[in-house]
Amino acid sequence: MESNAGRRLPGIKQLAKRFNSLRDRLAQEAPTRRLANVSIPMAVDIDRLFDTNANPAMWMEEGQIEHGPHAPPYLTNLEVQQGIGALLVQDRGEEESHRLRHELGALVQWISGNLQRVDWTLSNCTGKG
């Protein structure tokens, strides 16, 4: 059975391609439309779409708000950025652990059901073939 994320991956990649296309169009049209001061975002690396290290600009507010010297630490502090990455890895681990516990519970129920059927069959077996 295909996971929910796996089913949505083609749609997500299509959105990323559309973003890159619109970004390229903005880059071409910005000088002609008096948009010279507009900050054009970086293109999204579609092959590494879910790798936060591959697309750092995608996770930032860069170009949206001018922060000046009081920029939030997640934009300027490397240790905070690494901490965020570590929290994401920890969250993925916890999600995987939860999924595996759920699968283990389902496996135990399946085995228990089969053992009950074997016990029932053995208790009703007359030994005549």
Protein backbone atom coordinates (compact mmCIF):
# COMPACT_ATOMS: atom_id res chain seq x y z
CA MET A 1 0.00 0.00 0.00
CA GLU A 2 1.45 3.34 -1.06
CA SER A 3 1.87 5.95 1.67
CA ASN A 4 -0.09 9.18 1.68
CA ALA A 5 3.09 11.21 1.10
CA GLY A 6 4.06 8.91 -1.77
CA ARG A 7 0.73 9.50 -3.49
CA ARG A 8 1.11 13.26 -3.10
CA LEU A 9 4.75 13.46 -4.23
CA PRO A 10 3.97 13.96 -7.95
CA GLY A 11 1.61 16.83 -7.10
CA ILE A 12 4.16 18.42 -4.78
CA LYS A 13 6.86 18.15 -7.43
CA GLN A 14 4.49 19.71 -9.97
CA LEU A 15 3.91 22.65 -7.61
CA ALA A 16 7.67 23.08 -7.20
CA LYS A 17 8.10 23.09 -11.00
CA ARG A 18 5.34 25.69 -11.27
CA PHE A 19 7.03 27.79 -8.59
CA ASN A 20 10.33 27.63 -10.51
CA SER A 21 8.54 28.58 -13.72
CA LEU A 22 6.85 31.58 -12.10
CA ARG A 23 10.14 32.56 -10.50
CA ASP A 24 11.91 32.47 -13.87
CA ARG A 25 9.13 34.54 -15.40
CA LEU A 26 9.39 37.13 -12.60
CA ALA A 27 13.16 37.30 -13.08
CA GLN A 28 12.65 38.06 -16.77
CA GLU A 29 9.85 40.58 -16.32
CA ALA A 30 11.06 42.39 -13.19
CA PRO A 31 13.32 44.90 -14.99
CA THR A 32 10.64 45.77 -17.56
CA ARG A 33 7.88 46.31 -14.99
CA ARG A 34 9.76 48.59 -12.63
CA LEU A 35 10.25 45.77 -10.18
CA ALA A 36 13.99 46.22 -9.91
CA ASN A 37 13.84 46.30 -6.09
CA VAL A 38 11.95 43.02 -5.84
CA SER A 39 13.95 40.22 -4.28
CA ILE A 40 13.60 37.18 -6.53
CA PRO A 41 13.63 33.90 -4.59
CA MET A 42 16.03 31.12 -5.40
CA ALA A 43 14.79 28.25 -7.54
CA VAL A 44 13.76 25.11 -5.67
CA ASP A 45 16.00 22.08 -6.21
CA ILE A 46 13.27 19.58 -7.16
CA ASP A 47 15.52 16.51 -6.93
CA ARG A 48 16.23 17.33 -3.28
CA LEU A 49 12.85 18.89 -2.51
CA PHE A 50 12.44 17.50 1.02
CA ASP A 51 16.05 18.03 2.07
CA THR A 52 15.98 21.24 4.15
CA ASN A 53 19.71 21.73 3.57
CA ALA A 54 19.26 21.67 -0.21
CA ASN A 55 16.61 24.42 -0.32
CA PRO A 56 17.37 26.75 2.59
CA ALA A 57 15.74 29.75 0.92
CA MET A 58 12.45 27.85 0.71
CA TRP A 59 12.31 27.72 4.53
CA MET A 60 13.19 31.38 5.08
CA GLU A 61 11.33 34.66 4.87
CA GLU A 62 14.16 36.18 2.86
CA GLY A 63 12.93 38.94 0.60
CA GLN A 64 9.51 39.14 2.20
CA ILE A 65 10.24 41.34 5.20
CA GLU A 66 13.14 43.66 5.85
CA HIS A 67 14.41 42.92 9.36
CA GLY A 68 17.47 45.09 9.46
CA PRO A 69 19.75 44.48 12.43
CA HIS A 70 16.97 42.76 14.38
CA ALA A 71 16.55 39.73 12.15
CA PRO A 72 15.17 36.65 13.91
CA PRO A 73 17.86 34.15 14.94
CA TYR A 74 16.54 31.43 12.62
CA LEU A 75 17.55 33.65 9.69
CA THR A 76 21.02 34.64 10.86
CA ASN A 77 22.31 32.29 13.56
CA LEU A 78 23.91 29.12 12.24
CA GLU A 79 23.52 27.34 15.58
CA VAL A 80 19.77 28.05 15.62
CA GLN A 81 19.48 26.79 12.03
CA GLN A 82 21.37 23.62 12.95
CA GLY A 83 19.14 23.22 16.02
CA ILE A 84 16.05 23.47 13.83
CA GLY A 85 17.51 20.81 11.53
CA ALA A 86 18.22 18.58 14.54
CA LEU A 87 14.64 19.03 15.80
CA LEU A 88 13.32 18.05 12.37
CA VAL A 89 15.46 14.89 12.42
CA GLN A 90 14.23 14.12 15.95
CA ASP A 91 10.60 14.64 14.88
CA ARG A 92 11.09 12.28 11.94
CA GLY A 93 12.54 9.68 14.31
CA GLU A 94 9.60 10.03 16.68
CA GLU A 95 7.13 9.73 13.81
CA GLU A 96 8.90 6.61 12.55
CA SER A 97 8.92 5.13 16.06
CA HIS A 98 5.18 5.78 16.40
CA ARG A 99 4.52 4.18 13.00
CA LEU A 100 6.61 1.12 13.90
CA ARG A 101 4.79 0.72 17.26
CA HIS A 102 1.48 0.82 15.39
CA GLU A 103 2.70 -1.79 12.90
CA LEU A 104 3.98 -3.96 15.76
CA GLY A 105 0.55 -3.80 17.42
CA ALA A 106 -1.13 -4.84 14.18
CA LEU A 107 1.34 -7.74 13.79
CA VAL A 108 0.73 -8.93 17.35
CA GLN A 109 -3.05 -8.86 16.76
CA TRP A 110 -2.63 -10.83 13.53
CA ILE A 111 -0.44 -13.47 15.20
CA SER A 112 -2.79 -13.68 18.18
CA GLY A 113 -5.78 -14.21 15.88
CA ASN A 114 -3.98 -16.95 13.98
CA LEU A 115 -2.87 -18.68 17.19
CA GLN A 116 -6.45 -18.63 18.48
CA ARG A 117 -7.62 -20.26 15.24
CA VAL A 118 -4.89 -22.92 15.54
CA ASP A 119 -5.86 -23.58 19.19
CA TRP A 120 -9.54 -23.84 18.23
CA THR A 121 -8.71 -26.19 15.35
CA LEU A 122 -6.53 -28.39 17.60
CA SER A 123 -9.18 -28.52 20.33
CA ASN A 124 -11.83 -29.57 17.79
CA CYS A 125 -9.61 -32.05 16.01
CA THR A 126 -10.82 -35.63 16.40
CA GLY A 127 -7.68 -37.18 15.02
CA LYS A 128 -9.61 -38.93 12.27
CA GLY A 129 -8.46 -38.20 8.81
